[in-house]
């Protein structure tokens, strides 16, 4: 069975490409974008099992994108990543349904474990 499709939204090319490489090597089909607007356009055209969203993006913030995505696709699993953690954004992300909130720099094995656990939970809910 093919692994789930993942969308990575981060305005930093090095972060986006590093995560993409890790997850592609792990067998996932990965798409990347650098803005919230691009992410929303991608999600309107394709289905993704997981979206990895940076909080600080040009234009719409990751939390704004998360809110809109959850309204359109309530079943999508989301992981927030940030280099600027705060209690407010953590609480808001959880309230909007984010599965996890990871602080950069992210260890590849930690991210893959979160994705694996997230997708297993989703499969068990079906």
N, C-alpha and C. Protein backbone atom coordinates (compact mmCIF):
# COMPACT_ATOMS: atom_id res chain seq x y z
N UNK A 1 0.86 -1.19 0.00
CA UNK A 1 0.00 0.00 0.00
C UNK A 1 0.90 1.25 0.00
N UNK A 2 0.64 2.20 -0.92
CA UNK A 2 1.49 3.40 -0.94
C UNK A 2 1.25 4.24 0.31
N UNK A 3 2.31 4.92 0.72
CA UNK A 3 2.17 5.79 1.89
C UNK A 3 1.41 7.05 1.49
N UNK A 4 0.92 7.73 2.48
CA UNK A 4 0.10 8.92 2.29
C UNK A 4 0.86 10.07 1.62
N UNK A 5 0.10 10.94 0.94
CA UNK A 5 0.68 12.14 0.34
C UNK A 5 0.81 13.21 1.41
N UNK A 6 1.93 13.93 1.34
CA UNK A 6 2.22 14.95 2.34
C UNK A 6 2.49 16.27 1.63
N UNK A 7 1.94 17.35 2.17
CA UNK A 7 2.20 18.70 1.68
C UNK A 7 3.02 19.44 2.72
N UNK A 8 4.14 20.00 2.28
CA UNK A 8 5.00 20.80 3.17
C UNK A 8 4.87 22.26 2.76
N UNK A 9 4.56 23.12 3.73
CA UNK A 9 4.42 24.55 3.47
C UNK A 9 5.40 25.29 4.36
N UNK A 10 6.47 25.80 3.74
CA UNK A 10 7.49 26.54 4.48
C UNK A 10 8.16 27.49 3.52
N UNK A 11 8.37 28.73 3.95
CA UNK A 11 8.97 29.72 3.05
C UNK A 11 10.49 29.61 2.97
N UNK A 12 11.09 28.79 3.82
CA UNK A 12 12.55 28.60 3.78
C UNK A 12 12.87 27.38 2.92
N UNK A 13 13.51 27.62 1.77
CA UNK A 13 13.80 26.54 0.82
C UNK A 13 14.59 25.40 1.46
N UNK A 14 15.57 25.73 2.30
CA UNK A 14 16.41 24.70 2.90
C UNK A 14 15.59 23.78 3.80
N UNK A 15 14.65 24.35 4.55
CA UNK A 15 13.79 23.55 5.43
C UNK A 15 12.85 22.68 4.59
N UNK A 16 12.21 23.32 3.62
CA UNK A 16 11.25 22.64 2.74
C UNK A 16 11.92 21.45 2.04
N UNK A 17 13.08 21.69 1.44
CA UNK A 17 13.76 20.64 0.68
C UNK A 17 14.32 19.55 1.58
N UNK A 18 14.83 19.91 2.76
CA UNK A 18 15.34 18.91 3.69
C UNK A 18 14.23 17.96 4.13
N UNK A 19 13.10 18.52 4.53
CA UNK A 19 11.97 17.68 4.97
C UNK A 19 11.49 16.82 3.81
N UNK A 20 11.40 17.43 2.62
CA UNK A 20 10.95 16.67 1.45
C UNK A 20 11.88 15.48 1.20
N UNK A 21 13.18 15.72 1.25
CA UNK A 21 14.15 14.63 1.01
C UNK A 21 14.00 13.52 2.05
N UNK A 22 13.88 13.88 3.33
CA UNK A 22 13.73 12.87 4.39
C UNK A 22 12.49 12.02 4.14
N UNK A 23 11.38 12.70 3.86
CA UNK A 23 10.12 11.97 3.73
C UNK A 23 10.04 11.18 2.42
N UNK A 24 10.64 11.71 1.36
CA UNK A 24 10.68 10.97 0.09
C UNK A 24 11.50 9.69 0.28
N UNK A 25 12.63 9.82 0.98
CA UNK A 25 13.47 8.65 1.27
C UNK A 25 12.71 7.62 2.11
N UNK A 26 11.78 8.09 2.93
CA UNK A 26 10.99 7.19 3.78
C UNK A 26 9.80 6.59 3.02
N UNK A 27 9.63 6.98 1.75
CA UNK A 27 8.59 6.36 0.93
C UNK A 27 7.32 7.18 0.76
N UNK A 28 7.30 8.41 1.23
CA UNK A 28 6.11 9.24 1.09
C UNK A 28 6.14 10.00 -0.23
N UNK A 29 4.96 10.32 -0.73
CA UNK A 29 4.84 11.20 -1.89
C UNK A 29 4.70 12.62 -1.35
N UNK A 30 5.65 13.48 -1.68
CA UNK A 30 5.73 14.80 -1.04
C UNK A 30 5.62 15.92 -2.07
N UNK A 31 4.80 16.91 -1.74
CA UNK A 31 4.66 18.13 -2.53
C UNK A 31 5.05 19.30 -1.62
N UNK A 32 5.66 20.33 -2.18
CA UNK A 32 6.04 21.48 -1.36
C UNK A 32 5.52 22.78 -1.96
N UNK A 33 5.26 23.75 -1.09
CA UNK A 33 4.92 25.11 -1.51
C UNK A 33 5.54 26.05 -0.49
N UNK A 34 5.64 27.34 -0.86
CA UNK A 34 6.26 28.27 0.09
C UNK A 34 5.31 29.30 0.66
N UNK A 35 4.06 29.34 0.18
CA UNK A 35 3.09 30.30 0.76
C UNK A 35 1.79 29.59 1.11
N UNK A 36 1.05 30.21 2.00
CA UNK A 36 -0.25 29.67 2.38
C UNK A 36 -1.22 29.65 1.21
N UNK A 37 -1.13 30.68 0.37
CA UNK A 37 -2.03 30.76 -0.78
C UNK A 37 -1.77 29.60 -1.75
N UNK A 38 -0.48 29.31 -1.99
CA UNK A 38 -0.13 28.18 -2.86
C UNK A 38 -0.62 26.87 -2.24
N UNK A 39 -0.47 26.76 -0.93
CA UNK A 39 -0.90 25.54 -0.24
C UNK A 39 -2.39 25.32 -0.42
N UNK A 40 -3.16 26.38 -0.26
CA UNK A 40 -4.61 26.24 -0.40
C UNK A 40 -4.99 25.83 -1.82
N UNK A 41 -4.28 26.39 -2.80
CA UNK A 41 -4.54 26.03 -4.19
C UNK A 41 -4.22 24.55 -4.42
N UNK A 42 -3.10 24.08 -3.89
CA UNK A 42 -2.71 22.67 -4.03
C UNK A 42 -3.75 21.76 -3.38
N UNK A 43 -4.21 22.15 -2.19
CA UNK A 43 -5.15 21.31 -1.46
C UNK A 43 -6.53 21.30 -2.11
N UNK A 44 -6.84 22.32 -2.90
CA UNK A 44 -8.13 22.31 -3.59
C UNK A 44 -8.08 21.36 -4.80
N UNK A 45 -6.87 21.05 -5.28
CA UNK A 45 -6.71 20.20 -6.47
C UNK A 45 -6.36 18.76 -6.14
N UNK A 46 -5.72 18.53 -4.99
CA UNK A 46 -5.25 17.20 -4.63
C UNK A 46 -5.61 16.87 -3.19
N UNK A 47 -5.63 15.58 -2.90
CA UNK A 47 -5.85 15.15 -1.52
C UNK A 47 -4.52 14.83 -0.87
N UNK A 48 -4.36 15.30 0.35
CA UNK A 48 -3.16 15.02 1.13
C UNK A 48 -3.60 14.41 2.45
N UNK A 49 -2.81 13.45 2.95
CA UNK A 49 -3.10 12.86 4.24
C UNK A 49 -2.63 13.75 5.37
N UNK A 50 -1.49 14.43 5.12
CA UNK A 50 -0.88 15.27 6.15
C UNK A 50 -0.39 16.55 5.51
N UNK A 51 -0.58 17.67 6.22
CA UNK A 51 0.03 18.93 5.81
C UNK A 51 0.94 19.39 6.94
N UNK A 52 2.18 19.75 6.57
CA UNK A 52 3.16 20.27 7.53
C UNK A 52 3.27 21.76 7.25
N UNK A 53 2.86 22.57 8.22
CA UNK A 53 2.73 24.01 8.03
C UNK A 53 3.65 24.81 8.94
N UNK A 54 4.43 25.68 8.34
CA UNK A 54 5.22 26.63 9.14
C UNK A 54 4.25 27.72 9.60
N UNK A 55 4.45 28.26 10.79
CA UNK A 55 3.56 29.32 11.27
C UNK A 55 3.82 30.63 10.55
N UNK A 56 5.11 30.97 10.39
CA UNK A 56 5.44 32.24 9.75
C UNK A 56 5.64 32.05 8.26
N UNK A 57 4.66 32.52 7.51
CA UNK A 57 4.70 32.44 6.05
C UNK A 57 4.46 33.83 5.48
N UNK A 58 4.94 34.09 4.26
CA UNK A 58 4.57 35.36 3.63
C UNK A 58 3.08 35.34 3.31
N UNK A 59 2.40 36.46 3.45
CA UNK A 59 0.95 36.47 3.23
C UNK A 59 0.24 35.89 4.43
N UNK A 60 -0.58 34.88 4.19
CA UNK A 60 -1.33 34.24 5.27
C UNK A 60 -0.40 33.46 6.19
N UNK A 61 -0.71 33.49 7.48
CA UNK A 61 0.08 32.70 8.43
C UNK A 61 -0.32 31.23 8.33
N UNK A 62 0.54 30.37 8.87
CA UNK A 62 0.22 28.95 8.89
C UNK A 62 -1.07 28.66 9.64
N UNK A 63 -1.34 29.42 10.70
CA UNK A 63 -2.58 29.21 11.47
C UNK A 63 -3.81 29.62 10.66
N UNK A 64 -3.71 30.69 9.88
CA UNK A 64 -4.83 31.09 9.01
C UNK A 64 -5.10 30.02 7.96
N UNK A 65 -4.02 29.49 7.39
CA UNK A 65 -4.15 28.43 6.39
C UNK A 65 -4.79 27.20 7.03
N UNK A 66 -4.32 26.83 8.22
CA UNK A 66 -4.85 25.67 8.92
C UNK A 66 -6.36 25.82 9.15
N UNK A 67 -6.77 26.99 9.60
CA UNK A 67 -8.19 27.24 9.86
C UNK A 67 -9.03 27.04 8.59
N UNK A 68 -8.55 27.60 7.47
CA UNK A 68 -9.29 27.49 6.21
C UNK A 68 -9.27 26.07 5.66
N UNK A 69 -8.15 25.39 5.80
CA UNK A 69 -8.03 24.01 5.31
C UNK A 69 -8.97 23.10 6.09
N UNK A 70 -9.00 23.27 7.41
CA UNK A 70 -9.87 22.44 8.25
C UNK A 70 -11.35 22.65 7.90
N UNK A 71 -11.70 23.87 7.48
CA UNK A 71 -13.08 24.14 7.08
C UNK A 71 -13.42 23.38 5.80
N UNK A 72 -12.47 23.32 4.87
CA UNK A 72 -12.69 22.65 3.58
C UNK A 72 -12.51 21.14 3.67
N UNK A 73 -11.48 20.72 4.40
CA UNK A 73 -11.13 19.30 4.48
C UNK A 73 -10.92 18.93 5.94
N UNK A 74 -12.00 18.71 6.68
CA UNK A 74 -11.88 18.47 8.12
C UNK A 74 -11.04 17.26 8.48
N UNK A 75 -10.91 16.29 7.57
CA UNK A 75 -10.17 15.08 7.89
C UNK A 75 -8.67 15.18 7.74
N UNK A 76 -8.17 16.27 7.16
CA UNK A 76 -6.73 16.37 6.93
C UNK A 76 -5.99 16.51 8.26
N UNK A 77 -4.87 15.83 8.35
CA UNK A 77 -4.05 15.87 9.57
C UNK A 77 -2.99 16.95 9.36
N UNK A 78 -2.75 17.75 10.38
CA UNK A 78 -1.79 18.85 10.25
C UNK A 78 -0.77 18.85 11.37
N UNK A 79 0.46 19.21 10.99
CA UNK A 79 1.56 19.34 11.94
C UNK A 79 2.11 20.75 11.75
N UNK A 80 2.18 21.49 12.83
CA UNK A 80 2.71 22.86 12.78
C UNK A 80 4.20 22.80 13.11
N UNK A 81 5.00 23.56 12.33
CA UNK A 81 6.42 23.68 12.64
C UNK A 81 6.75 25.16 12.78
N UNK A 82 7.67 25.47 13.67
CA UNK A 82 8.04 26.87 13.86
C UNK A 82 9.41 27.00 14.52
N UNK A 83 10.07 28.08 14.20
CA UNK A 83 11.31 28.42 14.89
C UNK A 83 11.02 29.43 16.01
N UNK A 84 9.76 29.86 16.09
CA UNK A 84 9.36 30.89 17.05
C UNK A 84 8.18 30.42 17.89
N UNK A 85 8.40 29.45 18.77
CA UNK A 85 7.29 28.90 19.54
C UNK A 85 6.78 29.88 20.60
N UNK A 86 5.48 29.81 20.85
CA UNK A 86 4.89 30.57 21.95
C UNK A 86 3.70 29.79 22.47
N UNK A 87 3.33 30.06 23.69
CA UNK A 87 2.17 29.38 24.27
C UNK A 87 0.91 29.70 23.50
N UNK A 88 0.79 30.96 23.03
CA UNK A 88 -0.41 31.38 22.30
C UNK A 88 -0.56 30.59 20.99
N UNK A 89 0.54 30.51 20.21
CA UNK A 89 0.42 29.80 18.93
C UNK A 89 0.24 28.30 19.13
N UNK A 90 0.87 27.76 20.17
CA UNK A 90 0.68 26.34 20.47
C UNK A 90 -0.79 26.07 20.79
N UNK A 91 -1.36 26.88 21.65
CA UNK A 91 -2.77 26.71 22.03
C UNK A 91 -3.69 26.89 20.83
N UNK A 92 -3.43 27.89 20.02
CA UNK A 92 -4.26 28.15 18.84
C UNK A 92 -4.17 26.99 17.85
N UNK A 93 -2.96 26.49 17.62
CA UNK A 93 -2.77 25.36 16.70
C UNK A 93 -3.54 24.13 17.17
N UNK A 94 -3.44 23.85 18.45
CA UNK A 94 -4.16 22.68 19.01
C UNK A 94 -5.67 22.88 18.89
N UNK A 95 -6.14 24.11 19.16
CA UNK A 95 -7.56 24.42 19.07
C UNK A 95 -8.07 24.22 17.63
N UNK A 96 -7.21 24.53 16.66
CA UNK A 96 -7.58 24.37 15.25
C UNK A 96 -7.42 22.93 14.76
N UNK A 97 -6.96 22.06 15.64
CA UNK A 97 -6.89 20.65 15.29
C UNK A 97 -5.54 20.13 14.85
N UNK A 98 -4.47 20.90 15.07
CA UNK A 98 -3.14 20.41 14.72
C UNK A 98 -2.82 19.19 15.57
N UNK A 99 -2.23 18.19 14.95
CA UNK A 99 -1.87 16.96 15.64
C UNK A 99 -0.66 17.18 16.53
N UNK A 100 0.28 17.98 16.02
CA UNK A 100 1.50 18.22 16.79
C UNK A 100 2.06 19.59 16.44
N UNK A 101 3.00 20.04 17.26
CA UNK A 101 3.61 21.36 17.14
C UNK A 101 5.09 21.14 17.38
N UNK A 102 5.88 21.17 16.30
CA UNK A 102 7.31 20.87 16.41
C UNK A 102 8.14 22.14 16.27
N UNK A 103 9.22 22.19 17.04
CA UNK A 103 10.08 23.38 17.04
C UNK A 103 11.33 23.08 16.21
N UNK A 104 11.62 24.01 15.29
CA UNK A 104 12.82 23.87 14.44
C UNK A 104 14.06 24.10 15.28
N UNK A 105 15.18 23.49 14.96
CA UNK A 105 15.36 22.50 13.89
C UNK A 105 14.70 21.16 14.27
N UNK A 106 14.16 20.51 13.26
CA UNK A 106 13.40 19.27 13.48
C UNK A 106 14.29 18.08 13.14
N UNK A 107 14.29 17.10 14.02
CA UNK A 107 15.03 15.87 13.75
C UNK A 107 14.21 15.01 12.79
N UNK A 108 14.81 14.50 11.73
CA UNK A 108 14.06 13.70 10.75
C UNK A 108 13.32 12.53 11.36
N UNK A 109 13.96 11.82 12.31
CA UNK A 109 13.29 10.67 12.90
C UNK A 109 12.10 11.07 13.77
N UNK A 110 12.19 12.23 14.42
CA UNK A 110 11.06 12.71 15.22
C UNK A 110 9.87 13.04 14.31
N UNK A 111 10.15 13.73 13.21
CA UNK A 111 9.08 14.11 12.28
C UNK A 111 8.44 12.86 11.67
N UNK A 112 9.26 11.92 11.26
CA UNK A 112 8.69 10.70 10.66
C UNK A 112 7.84 9.93 11.66
N UNK A 113 8.28 9.89 12.92
CA UNK A 113 7.49 9.20 13.95
C UNK A 113 6.13 9.88 14.13
N UNK A 114 6.12 11.22 14.17
CA UNK A 114 4.85 11.96 14.32
C UNK A 114 3.93 11.66 13.13
N UNK A 115 4.49 11.67 11.93
CA UNK A 115 3.68 11.40 10.73
C UNK A 115 3.15 9.98 10.76
N UNK A 116 4.01 9.03 11.09
CA UNK A 116 3.60 7.63 11.16
C UNK A 116 2.47 7.43 12.18
N UNK A 117 2.66 7.99 13.37
CA UNK A 117 1.64 7.87 14.43
C UNK A 117 0.34 8.53 13.98
N UNK A 118 0.45 9.68 13.33
CA UNK A 118 -0.72 10.42 12.87
C UNK A 118 -1.51 9.60 11.84
N UNK A 119 -0.81 9.02 10.89
CA UNK A 119 -1.48 8.26 9.84
C UNK A 119 -2.05 6.96 10.38
N UNK A 120 -1.38 6.35 11.36
CA UNK A 120 -1.92 5.13 11.98
C UNK A 120 -3.22 5.44 12.70
N UNK A 121 -3.24 6.56 13.44
CA UNK A 121 -4.47 6.96 14.13
C UNK A 121 -5.59 7.18 13.13
N UNK A 122 -5.26 7.84 12.01
CA UNK A 122 -6.27 8.13 10.98
C UNK A 122 -6.81 6.83 10.41
N UNK A 123 -5.93 5.84 10.16
CA UNK A 123 -6.38 4.55 9.64
C UNK A 123 -7.28 3.83 10.63
N UNK A 124 -6.98 3.97 11.91
CA UNK A 124 -7.78 3.32 12.94
C UNK A 124 -9.15 3.95 13.11
N UNK A 125 -9.27 5.22 12.69
CA UNK A 125 -10.56 5.93 12.82
C UNK A 125 -11.52 5.55 11.70
N UNK A 126 -11.00 4.96 10.63
CA UNK A 126 -11.84 4.63 9.47
C UNK A 126 -12.69 3.43 9.76
